PDB file of N, CA and C in Angstrom:
ATOM      1  N   MET A   1      41.068  40.790 -57.539  1.00  0.00           N
ATOM      2  CA  MET A   1      40.076  41.838 -57.654  1.00  0.00           C
ATOM      3  C   MET A   1      39.915  42.269 -59.111  1.00  0.00           C
ATOM      4  N   GLN A   2      41.045  42.501 -59.777  1.00  0.00           N
ATOM      5  CA  GLN A   2      40.971  42.916 -61.177  1.00  0.00           C
ATOM      6  C   GLN A   2      40.429  41.785 -62.047  1.00  0.00           C
ATOM      7  N   PHE A   3      40.740  40.547 -61.661  1.00  0.00           N
ATOM      8  CA  PHE A   3      40.261  39.398 -62.415  1.00  0.00           C
ATOM      9  C   PHE A   3      38.732  39.314 -62.375  1.00  0.00           C
ATOM     10  N   SER A   4      38.126  39.543 -61.206  1.00  0.00           N
ATOM     11  CA  SER A   4      36.666  39.469 -61.090  1.00  0.00           C
ATOM     12  C   SER A   4      36.000  40.600 -61.878  1.00  0.00           C
ATOM     13  N   ILE A   5      36.604  41.773 -61.909  1.00  0.00           N
ATOM     14  CA  ILE A   5      36.055  42.884 -62.696  1.00  0.00           C
ATOM     15  C   ILE A   5      36.120  42.546 -64.186  1.00  0.00           C
ATOM     16  N   ALA A   6      37.235  41.936 -64.604  1.00  0.00           N
ATOM     17  CA  ALA A   6      37.382  41.555 -66.012  1.00  0.00           C
ATOM     18  C   ALA A   6      36.356  40.494 -66.397  1.00  0.00           C
ATOM     19  N   ILE A   7      36.104  39.526 -65.518  1.00  0.00           N
ATOM     20  CA  ILE A   7      35.115  38.474 -65.787  1.00  0.00           C
ATOM     21  C   ILE A   7      33.716  39.073 -65.874  1.00  0.00           C
ATOM     22  N   ILE A   8      33.381  39.971 -64.965  1.00  0.00           N
ATOM     23  CA  ILE A   8      32.066  40.616 -64.982  1.00  0.00           C
ATOM     24  C   ILE A   8      31.895  41.422 -66.265  1.00  0.00           C
ATOM     25  N   ALA A   9      32.924  42.147 -66.663  1.00  0.00           N
ATOM     26  CA  ALA A   9      32.864  42.922 -67.905  1.00  0.00           C
ATOM     27  C   ALA A   9      32.702  42.005 -69.115  1.00  0.00           C
ATOM     28  N   LEU A  10      33.390  40.869 -69.110  1.00  0.00           N
ATOM     29  CA  LEU A  10      33.290  39.913 -70.209  1.00  0.00           C
ATOM     30  C   LEU A  10      31.877  39.338 -70.302  1.00  0.00           C
ATOM     31  N   PHE A  11      31.302  38.939 -69.166  1.00  0.00           N
ATOM     32  CA  PHE A  11      29.936  38.425 -69.172  1.00  0.00           C
ATOM     33  C   PHE A  11      28.935  39.506 -69.594  1.00  0.00           C
ATOM     34  N   GLY A  12      29.148  40.726 -69.139  1.00  0.00           N
ATOM     35  CA  GLY A  12      28.272  41.833 -69.529  1.00  0.00           C
ATOM     36  C   GLY A  12      28.300  42.069 -71.033  1.00  0.00           C
ATOM     37  N   ALA A  13      29.491  42.011 -71.619  1.00  0.00           N
ATOM     38  CA  ALA A  13      29.616  42.188 -73.069  1.00  0.00           C
ATOM     39  C   ALA A  13      28.957  41.037 -73.819  1.00  0.00           C
ATOM     40  N   ALA A  14      29.108  39.816 -73.316  1.00  0.00           N
ATOM     41  CA  ALA A  14      28.517  38.651 -73.979  1.00  0.00           C
ATOM     42  C   ALA A  14      26.991  38.705 -73.930  1.00  0.00           C
ATOM     43  N   VAL A  15      26.447  39.082 -72.793  1.00  0.00           N
ATOM     44  CA  VAL A  15      24.997  39.148 -72.646  1.00  0.00           C
ATOM     45  C   VAL A  15      24.412  40.253 -73.515  1.00  0.00           C
ATOM     46  N   SER A  16      25.060  41.386 -73.586  1.00  0.00           N
ATOM     47  CA  SER A  16      24.527  42.481 -74.389  1.00  0.00           C
ATOM     48  C   SER A  16      24.628  42.194 -75.881  1.00  0.00           C
ATOM     49  N   ALA A  17      25.501  41.284 -76.280  1.00  0.00           N
ATOM     50  CA  ALA A  17      25.646  40.937 -77.694  1.00  0.00           C
ATOM     51  C   ALA A  17      24.614  39.919 -78.153  1.00  0.00           C
ATOM     52  N   LEU A  18      23.926  39.242 -77.234  1.00  0.00           N
ATOM     53  CA  LEU A  18      22.919  38.260 -77.609  1.00  0.00           C
ATOM     54  C   LEU A  18      21.679  38.974 -78.139  1.00  0.00           C
ATOM     55  N   PRO A  19      21.139  38.533 -79.256  1.00  0.00           N
ATOM     56  CA  PRO A  19      19.925  39.176 -79.777  1.00  0.00           C
ATOM     57  C   PRO A  19      18.723  38.833 -78.906  1.00  0.00           C
ATOM     58  N   THR A  20      17.818  39.770 -78.796  1.00  0.00           N
ATOM     59  CA  THR A  20      16.598  39.516 -78.035  1.00  0.00           C
ATOM     60  C   THR A  20      15.570  38.880 -78.953  1.00  0.00           C
ATOM     61  N   GLU A  21      14.670  38.141 -78.369  1.00  0.00           N
ATOM     62  CA  GLU A  21      13.618  37.499 -79.148  1.00  0.00           C
ATOM     63  C   GLU A  21      12.545  38.528 -79.459  1.00  0.00           C
ATOM     64  N   GLU A  22      12.213  38.658 -80.729  1.00  0.00           N
ATOM     65  CA  GLU A  22      11.216  39.633 -81.141  1.00  0.00           C
ATOM     66  C   GLU A  22       9.820  39.069 -80.895  1.00  0.00           C
ATOM     67  N   LYS A  23       9.006  39.841 -80.210  1.00  0.00           N
ATOM     68  CA  LYS A  23       7.634  39.418 -79.957  1.00  0.00           C
ATOM     69  C   LYS A  23       6.730  40.148 -80.939  1.00  0.00           C
ATOM     70  N   ARG A  24       5.885  39.396 -81.617  1.00  0.00           N
ATOM     71  CA  ARG A  24       4.982  39.968 -82.596  1.00  0.00           C
ATOM     72  C   ARG A  24       3.552  39.797 -82.114  1.00  0.00           C
ATOM     73  N   GLN A  25       2.750  40.766 -82.446  1.00  0.00           N
ATOM     74  CA  GLN A  25       1.342  40.652 -82.125  1.00  0.00           C
ATOM     75  C   GLN A  25       0.667  39.773 -83.166  1.00  0.00           C
ATOM     76  N   ALA A  26      -0.293  39.022 -82.732  1.00  0.00           N
ATOM     77  CA  ALA A  26      -1.051  38.180 -83.656  1.00  0.00           C
ATOM     78  C   ALA A  26      -1.906  39.065 -84.554  1.00  0.00           C
ATOM     79  N   TYR A  27      -2.069  38.653 -85.806  1.00  0.00           N
ATOM     80  CA  TYR A  27      -2.894  39.389 -86.761  1.00  0.00           C
ATOM     81  C   TYR A  27      -4.362  39.109 -86.471  1.00  0.00           C
ATOM     82  N   ILE A  28      -5.113  40.159 -86.264  1.00  0.00           N
ATOM     83  CA  ILE A  28      -6.552  40.050 -86.044  1.00  0.00           C
ATOM     84  C   ILE A  28      -7.222  40.750 -87.222  1.00  0.00           C
ATOM     85  N   PRO A  29      -7.734  39.987 -88.192  1.00  0.00           N
ATOM     86  CA  PRO A  29      -8.267  40.597 -89.408  1.00  0.00           C
ATOM     87  C   PRO A  29      -9.552  41.383 -89.189  1.00  0.00           C
ATOM     88  N   CYS A  30     -10.370  40.958 -88.249  1.00  0.00           N
ATOM     89  CA  CYS A  30     -11.672  41.591 -88.044  1.00  0.00           C
ATOM     90  C   CYS A  30     -11.870  41.884 -86.560  1.00  0.00           C
ATOM     91  N   SER A  31     -12.386  43.062 -86.275  1.00  0.00           N
ATOM     92  CA  SER A  31     -12.630  43.416 -84.879  1.00  0.00           C
ATOM     93  C   SER A  31     -13.890  44.262 -84.787  1.00  0.00           C
ATOM     94  N   GLY A  32     -14.342  44.460 -83.583  1.00  0.00           N
ATOM     95  CA  GLY A  32     -15.521  45.280 -83.364  1.00  0.00           C
ATOM     96  C   GLY A  32     -16.791  44.597 -83.851  1.00  0.00           C
ATOM     97  N   LEU A  33     -17.701  45.391 -84.397  1.00  0.00           N
ATOM     98  CA  LEU A  33     -18.982  44.879 -84.878  1.00  0.00           C
ATOM     99  C   LEU A  33     -18.787  43.858 -85.996  1.00  0.00           C
ATOM    100  N   TYR A  34     -17.849  44.143 -86.906  1.00  0.00           N
ATOM    101  CA  TYR A  34     -17.542  43.228 -88.012  1.00  0.00           C
ATOM    102  C   TYR A  34     -16.454  42.262 -87.557  1.00  0.00           C
ATOM    103  N   GLY A  35     -16.722  41.459 -86.559  1.00  0.00           N
ATOM    104  CA  GLY A  35     -15.695  40.674 -85.894  1.00  0.00           C
ATOM    105  C   GLY A  35     -15.493  39.251 -86.368  1.00  0.00           C
ATOM    106  N   THR A  36     -16.228  38.794 -87.379  1.00  0.00           N
ATOM    107  CA  THR A  36     -16.100  37.411 -87.830  1.00  0.00           C
ATOM    108  C   THR A  36     -15.410  37.364 -89.184  1.00  0.00           C
ATOM    109  N   SER A  37     -14.230  36.752 -89.226  1.00  0.00           N
ATOM    110  CA  SER A  37     -13.515  36.638 -90.502  1.00  0.00           C
ATOM    111  C   SER A  37     -14.113  35.495 -91.310  1.00  0.00           C
ATOM    112  N   GLN A  38     -14.382  35.771 -92.577  1.00  0.00           N
ATOM    113  CA  GLN A  38     -15.009  34.802 -93.464  1.00  0.00           C
ATOM    114  C   GLN A  38     -14.370  34.865 -94.849  1.00  0.00           C
ATOM    115  N   CYS A  39     -14.450  33.762 -95.571  1.00  0.00           N
ATOM    116  CA  CYS A  39     -14.111  33.725 -96.992  1.00  0.00           C
ATOM    117  C   CYS A  39     -15.441  33.573 -97.719  1.00  0.00           C
ATOM    118  N   CYS A  40     -15.804  34.568 -98.535  1.00  0.00           N
ATOM    119  CA  CYS A  40     -17.109  34.567 -99.199  1.00  0.00           C
ATOM    120  C   CYS A  40     -16.949  34.626-100.712  1.00  0.00           C
ATOM    121  N   ALA A  41     -17.912  34.021-101.423  1.00  0.00           N
ATOM    122  CA  ALA A  41     -17.831  33.950-102.878  1.00  0.00           C
ATOM    123  C   ALA A  41     -18.494  35.147-103.554  1.00  0.00           C
ATOM    124  N   THR A  42     -19.674  35.542-103.117  1.00  0.00           N
ATOM    125  CA  THR A  42     -20.438  36.571-103.812  1.00  0.00           C
ATOM    126  C   THR A  42     -20.882  37.646-102.835  1.00  0.00           C
ATOM    127  N   ASP A  43     -20.696  38.902-103.225  1.00  0.00           N
ATOM    128  CA  ASP A  43     -21.121  40.037-102.404  1.00  0.00           C
ATOM    129  C   ASP A  43     -22.363  40.651-103.037  1.00  0.00           C
ATOM    130  N   VAL A  44     -23.410  40.836-102.243  1.00  0.00           N
ATOM    131  CA  VAL A  44     -24.646  41.437-102.726  1.00  0.00           C
ATOM    132  C   VAL A  44     -24.778  42.819-102.099  1.00  0.00           C
ATOM    133  N   LEU A  45     -24.237  43.826-102.773  1.00  0.00           N
ATOM    134  CA  LEU A  45     -24.334  45.233-102.366  1.00  0.00           C
ATOM    135  C   LEU A  45     -23.826  45.506-100.953  1.00  0.00           C
ATOM    136  N   GLY A  46     -22.936  44.695-100.443  1.00  0.00           N
ATOM    137  CA  GLY A  46     -22.382  44.896 -99.115  1.00  0.00           C
ATOM    138  C   GLY A  46     -23.330  44.549 -97.985  1.00  0.00           C
ATOM    139  N   VAL A  47     -24.542  44.097 -98.336  1.00  0.00           N
ATOM    140  CA  VAL A  47     -25.532  43.751 -97.324  1.00  0.00           C
ATOM    141  C   VAL A  47     -25.435  42.276 -96.960  1.00  0.00           C
ATOM    142  N   ALA A  48     -25.235  41.440 -97.955  1.00  0.00           N
ATOM    143  CA  ALA A  48     -25.138  39.998 -97.719  1.00  0.00           C
ATOM    144  C   ALA A  48     -24.052  39.416 -98.611  1.00  0.00           C
ATOM    145  N   ASP A  49     -23.366  38.422 -98.103  1.00  0.00           N
ATOM    146  CA  ASP A  49     -22.378  37.681 -98.874  1.00  0.00           C
ATOM    147  C   ASP A  49     -22.806  36.223 -98.874  1.00  0.00           C
ATOM    148  N   LEU A  50     -22.684  35.590-100.042  1.00  0.00           N
ATOM    149  CA  LEU A  50     -23.151  34.219-100.197  1.00  0.00           C
ATOM    150  C   LEU A  50     -21.992  33.239-100.193  1.00  0.00           C
ATOM    151  N   ASP A  51     -22.274  32.007 -99.824  1.00  0.00           N
ATOM    152  CA  ASP A  51     -21.304  30.914 -99.799  1.00  0.00           C
ATOM    153  C   ASP A  51     -20.082  31.286 -98.958  1.00  0.00           C
ATOM    154  N   CYS A  52     -20.326  31.634 -97.715  1.00  0.00           N
ATOM    155  CA  CYS A  52     -19.248  32.036 -96.799  1.00  0.00           C
ATOM    156  C   CYS A  52     -18.830  30.871 -95.902  1.00  0.00           C
ATOM    157  N   GLY A  53     -17.610  30.946 -95.445  1.00  0.00           N
ATOM    158  CA  GLY A  53     -17.104  29.956 -94.504  1.00  0.00           C
ATOM    159  C   GLY A  53     -15.863  30.482 -93.822  1.00  0.00           C
ATOM    160  N   ASN A  54     -15.459  29.810 -92.769  1.00  0.00           N
ATOM    161  CA  ASN A  54     -14.243  30.209 -92.067  1.00  0.00           C
ATOM    162  C   ASN A  54     -13.034  29.975 -92.965  1.00  0.00           C
ATOM    163  N   PRO A  55     -11.999  30.802 -92.843  1.00  0.00           N
ATOM    164  CA  PRO A  55     -10.779  30.565 -93.619  1.00  0.00           C
ATOM    165  C   PRO A  55     -10.198  29.191 -93.278  1.00  0.00           C
ATOM    166  N   PRO A  56      -9.676  28.451 -94.283  1.00  0.00           N
ATOM    167  CA  PRO A  56      -9.131  27.114 -94.034  1.00  0.00           C
ATOM    168  C   PRO A  56      -7.953  27.103 -93.069  1.00  0.00           C
ATOM    169  N   SER A  57      -7.202  28.201 -93.009  1.00  0.00           N
ATOM    170  CA  SER A  57      -6.083  28.307 -92.065  1.00  0.00           C
ATOM    171  C   SER A  57      -6.077  29.707 -91.482  1.00  0.00           C
ATOM    172  N   ALA A  58      -5.457  29.856 -90.335  1.00  0.00           N
ATOM    173  CA  ALA A  58      -5.411  31.158 -89.669  1.00  0.00           C
ATOM    174  C   ALA A  58      -4.480  32.096 -90.434  1.00  0.00           C
ATOM    175  N   PRO A  59      -4.988  33.239 -90.893  1.00  0.00           N
ATOM    176  CA  PRO A  59      -4.136  34.171 -91.638  1.00  0.00           C
ATOM    177  C   PRO A  59      -3.137  34.876 -90.725  1.00  0.00           C
ATOM    178  N   THR A  60      -1.948  35.150 -91.276  1.00  0.00           N
ATOM    179  CA  THR A  60      -0.899  35.812 -90.505  1.00  0.00           C
ATOM    180  C   THR A  60      -0.842  37.308 -90.762  1.00  0.00           C
ATOM    181  N   ASP A  61      -1.383  37.760 -91.887  1.00  0.00           N
ATOM    182  CA  ASP A  61      -1.459  39.186 -92.205  1.00  0.00           C
ATOM    183  C   ASP A  61      -2.528  39.380 -93.279  1.00  0.00           C
ATOM    184  N   ALA A  62      -2.738  40.635 -93.690  1.00  0.00           N
ATOM    185  CA  ALA A  62      -3.797  40.933 -94.653  1.00  0.00           C
ATOM    186  C   ALA A  62      -3.559  40.248 -95.991  1.00  0.00           C
ATOM    187  N   THR A  63      -2.322  40.223 -96.453  1.00  0.00           N
ATOM    188  CA  THR A  63      -2.004  39.581 -97.728  1.00  0.00           C
ATOM    189  C   THR A  63      -2.264  38.082 -97.649  1.00  0.00           C
ATOM    190  N   ASP A  64      -1.905  37.481 -96.529  1.00  0.00           N
ATOM    191  CA  ASP A  64      -2.128  36.047 -96.345  1.00  0.00           C
ATOM    192  C   ASP A  64      -3.622  35.738 -96.266  1.00  0.00           C
ATOM    193  N   PHE A  65      -4.394  36.595 -95.606  1.00  0.00           N
ATOM    194  CA  PHE A  65      -5.844  36.401 -95.508  1.00  0.00           C
ATOM    195  C   PHE A  65      -6.453  36.386 -96.911  1.00  0.00           C
ATOM    196  N   SER A  66      -6.049  37.334 -97.731  1.00  0.00           N
ATOM    197  CA  SER A  66      -6.532  37.395 -99.106  1.00  0.00           C
ATOM    198  C   SER A  66      -6.105  36.157 -99.895  1.00  0.00           C
ATOM    199  N   ALA A  67      -4.854  35.722 -99.714  1.00  0.00           N
ATOM    200  CA  ALA A  67      -4.333  34.556-100.440  1.00  0.00           C
ATOM    201  C   ALA A  67      -5.032  33.267-100.013  1.00  0.00           C
ATOM    202  N   VAL A  68      -5.304  33.130 -98.711  1.00  0.00           N
ATOM    203  CA  VAL A  68      -5.975  31.931 -98.196  1.00  0.00           C
ATOM    204  C   VAL A  68      -7.366  31.811 -98.814  1.00  0.00           C
ATOM    205  N   CYS A  69      -8.088  32.922 -98.874  1.00  0.00           N
ATOM    206  CA  CYS A  69      -9.436  32.892 -99.455  1.00  0.00           C
ATOM    207  C   CYS A  69      -9.383  32.740-100.976  1.00  0.00           C
ATOM    208  N   SER A  70      -8.436  33.392-101.618  1.00  0.00           N
ATOM    209  CA  SER A  70      -8.299  33.286-103.078  1.00  0.00           C
ATOM    210  C   SER A  70      -7.986  31.861-103.506  1.00  0.00           C
ATOM    211  N   ALA A  71      -7.252  31.136-102.682  1.00  0.00           N
ATOM    212  CA  ALA A  71      -6.883  29.757-103.011  1.00  0.00           C
ATOM    213  C   ALA A  71      -8.107  28.849-103.135  1.00  0.00           C
ATOM    214  N   ILE A  72      -9.200  29.211-102.477  1.00  0.00           N
ATOM    215  CA  ILE A  72     -10.423  28.408-102.580  1.00  0.00           C
ATOM    216  C   ILE A  72     -11.491  29.130-103.408  1.00  0.00           C
ATOM    217  N   GLY A  73     -11.067  30.157-104.161  1.00  0.00           N
ATOM    218  CA  GLY A  73     -11.972  30.852-105.071  1.00  0.00           C
ATOM    219  C   GLY A  73     -12.918  31.822-104.403  1.00  0.00           C
ATOM    220  N   GLN A  74     -12.529  32.354-103.246  1.00  0.00           N
ATOM    221  CA  GLN A  74     -13.394  33.287-102.537  1.00  0.00           C
ATOM    222  C   GLN A  74     -12.625  34.547-102.161  1.00  0.00           C
ATOM    223  N   ARG A  75     -13.325  35.495-101.531  1.00  0.00           N
ATOM    224  CA  ARG A  75     -12.709  36.753-101.123  1.00  0.00           C
ATOM    225  C   ARG A  75     -12.765  36.914 -99.611  1.00  0.00           C
ATOM    226  N   ALA A  76     -11.764  37.592 -99.075  1.00  0.00           N
ATOM    227  CA  ALA A  76     -11.694  37.829 -97.629  1.00  0.00           C
ATOM    228  C   ALA A  76     -12.736  38.870 -97.229  1.00  0.00           C
ATOM    229  N   ARG A  77     -13.468  38.581 -96.177  1.00  0.00           N
ATOM    230  CA  ARG A  77     -14.500  39.487 -95.686  1.00  0.00           C
ATOM    231  C   ARG A  77     -14.554  39.452 -94.165  1.00  0.00           C
ATOM    232  N   CYS A  78     -15.045  40.546 -93.586  1.00  0.00           N
ATOM    233  CA  CYS A  78     -15.357  40.629 -92.157  1.00  0.00           C
ATOM    234  C   CYS A  78     -16.862  40.824 -92.055  1.00  0.00           C
ATOM    235  N   CYS A  79     -17.537  39.925 -91.369  1.00  0.00           N
ATOM    236  CA  CYS A  79     -18.998  39.949 -91.319  1.00  0.00           C
ATOM    237  C   CYS A  79     -19.500  40.138 -89.890  1.00  0.00           C
ATOM    238  N   VAL A  80     -20.705  40.713 -89.803  1.00  0.00           N
ATOM    239  CA  VAL A  80     -21.343  40.905 -88.509  1.00  0.00           C
ATOM    240  C   VAL A  80     -21.936  39.587 -88.026  1.00  0.00           C
ATOM    241  N   LEU A  81     -22.661  38.907 -88.890  1.00  0.00           N
ATOM    242  CA  LEU A  81     -23.405  37.730 -88.467  1.00  0.00           C
ATOM    243  C   LEU A  81     -23.435  36.674 -89.572  1.00  0.00           C
ATOM    244  N   PRO A  82     -22.583  35.656 -89.482  1.00  0.00           N
ATOM    245  CA  PRO A  82     -22.660  34.584 -90.486  1.00  0.00           C
ATOM    246  C   PRO A  82     -23.727  33.552 -90.096  1.00  0.00           C
ATOM    247  N   ILE A  83     -24.694  33.355 -90.993  1.00  0.00           N
ATOM    248  CA  ILE A  83     -25.772  32.397 -90.737  1.00  0.00           C
ATOM    249  C   ILE A  83     -25.948  31.511 -91.968  1.00  0.00           C
ATOM    250  N   LEU A  84     -25.907  30.200 -91.787  1.00  0.00           N
ATOM    251  CA  LEU A  84     -26.164  29.234 -92.861  1.00  0.00           C
ATOM    252  C   LEU A  84     -25.354  29.532 -94.122  1.00  0.00           C
ATOM    253  N   ASP A  85     -24.055  29.654 -93.976  1.00  0.00           N
ATOM    254  CA  ASP A  85     -23.133  29.913 -95.093  1.00  0.00           C
ATOM    255  C   ASP A  85     -23.384  31.246 -95.788  1.00  0.00           C
ATOM    256  N   GLN A  86     -24.018  32.187 -95.089  1.00  0.00           N
ATOM    257  CA  GLN A  86     -24.222  33.518 -95.640  1.00  0.00           C
ATOM    258  C   GLN A  86     -23.774  34.538 -94.610  1.00  0.00           C
ATOM    259  N   GLY A  87     -23.036  35.546 -95.071  1.00  0.00           N
ATOM    260  CA  GLY A  87     -22.592  36.607 -94.183  1.00  0.00           C
ATOM    261  C   GLY A  87     -23.517  37.803 -94.289  1.00  0.00           C
ATOM    262  N   ILE A  88     -23.948  38.316 -93.166  1.00  0.00           N
ATOM    263  CA  ILE A  88     -24.823  39.479 -93.150  1.00  0.00           C
ATOM    264  C   ILE A  88     -23.988  40.698 -92.771  1.00  0.00           C
ATOM    265  N   LEU A  89     -24.115  41.770 -93.536  1.00  0.00           N
ATOM    266  CA  LEU A  89     -23.351  43.009 -93.349  1.00  0.00           C
ATOM    267  C   LEU A  89     -21.847  42.726 -93.307  1.00  0.00           C
ATOM    268  N   CYS A  90     -21.261  42.577 -94.457  1.00  0.00           N
ATOM    269  CA  CYS A  90     -19.834  42.262 -94.560  1.00  0.00           C
ATOM    270  C   CYS A  90     -19.075  43.414 -95.203  1.00  0.00           C
ATOM    271  N   ASN A  91     -17.811  43.549 -94.830  1.00  0.00           N
ATOM    272  CA  ASN A  91     -16.943  44.532 -95.478  1.00  0.00           C
ATOM    273  C   ASN A  91     -15.560  43.930 -95.683  1.00  0.00           C
ATOM    274  N   THR A  92     -14.733  44.647 -96.420  1.00  0.00           N
ATOM    275  CA  THR A  92     -13.380  44.183 -96.716  1.00  0.00           C
ATOM    276  C   THR A  92     -12.474  44.487 -95.531  1.00  0.00           C
ATOM    277  N   PRO A  93     -11.676  43.523 -95.079  1.00  0.00           N
ATOM    278  CA  PRO A  93     -10.767  43.760 -93.952  1.00  0.00           C
ATOM    279  C   PRO A  93      -9.718  44.823 -94.279  1.00  0.00           C
ATOM    280  N   THR A  94      -9.225  45.485 -93.274  1.00  0.00           N
ATOM    281  CA  THR A  94      -8.190  46.496 -93.443  1.00  0.00           C
ATOM    282  C   THR A  94      -6.942  45.868 -94.040  1.00  0.00           C
ATOM    283  N   GLY A  95      -6.415  46.500 -95.066  1.00  0.00           N
ATOM    284  CA  GLY A  95      -5.191  46.029 -95.695  1.00  0.00           C
ATOM    285  C   GLY A  95      -5.398  45.056 -96.832  1.00  0.00           C
ATOM    286  N   VAL A  96      -6.612  44.542 -96.992  1.00  0.00           N
ATOM    287  CA  VAL A  96      -6.900  43.596 -98.076  1.00  0.00           C
ATOM    288  C   VAL A  96      -7.338  44.381 -99.303  1.00  0.00           C
ATOM    289  N   GLN A  97      -6.711  44.088-100.435  1.00  0.00           N
ATOM    290  CA  GLN A  97      -7.064  44.743-101.693  1.00  0.00           C
ATOM    291  C   GLN A  97      -8.022  43.853-102.475  1.00  0.00           C
ATOM    292  N   ASP A  98      -9.117  44.422-102.933  1.00  0.00           N
ATOM    293  CA  ASP A  98     -10.074  43.655-103.759  1.00  0.00           C
ATOM    294  C   ASP A  98      -9.798  43.855-105.215  1.00  0.00           C
TER     295      ASP A  98
END
């Protein structure tokens, strides 16, 4: 009887000492109306951005989004409607420094 209690206590201690797997939420750079993430070269008064395209790789955070776009000579933007390599109504994503 005492042996089974000792074994149960030992297993309980071993299980509680195991680290849990941390679950992280995926980074979503753009949401709502400005829901399309783009890397754009030129901003025209915040109304239109020229030479826009999808980021070459999926960004993991705001700093990475900026770095991914900077690597190809562009800036991170969130646009309402990208048409023909141009972003219409674009703004800077949250956390990205220009």
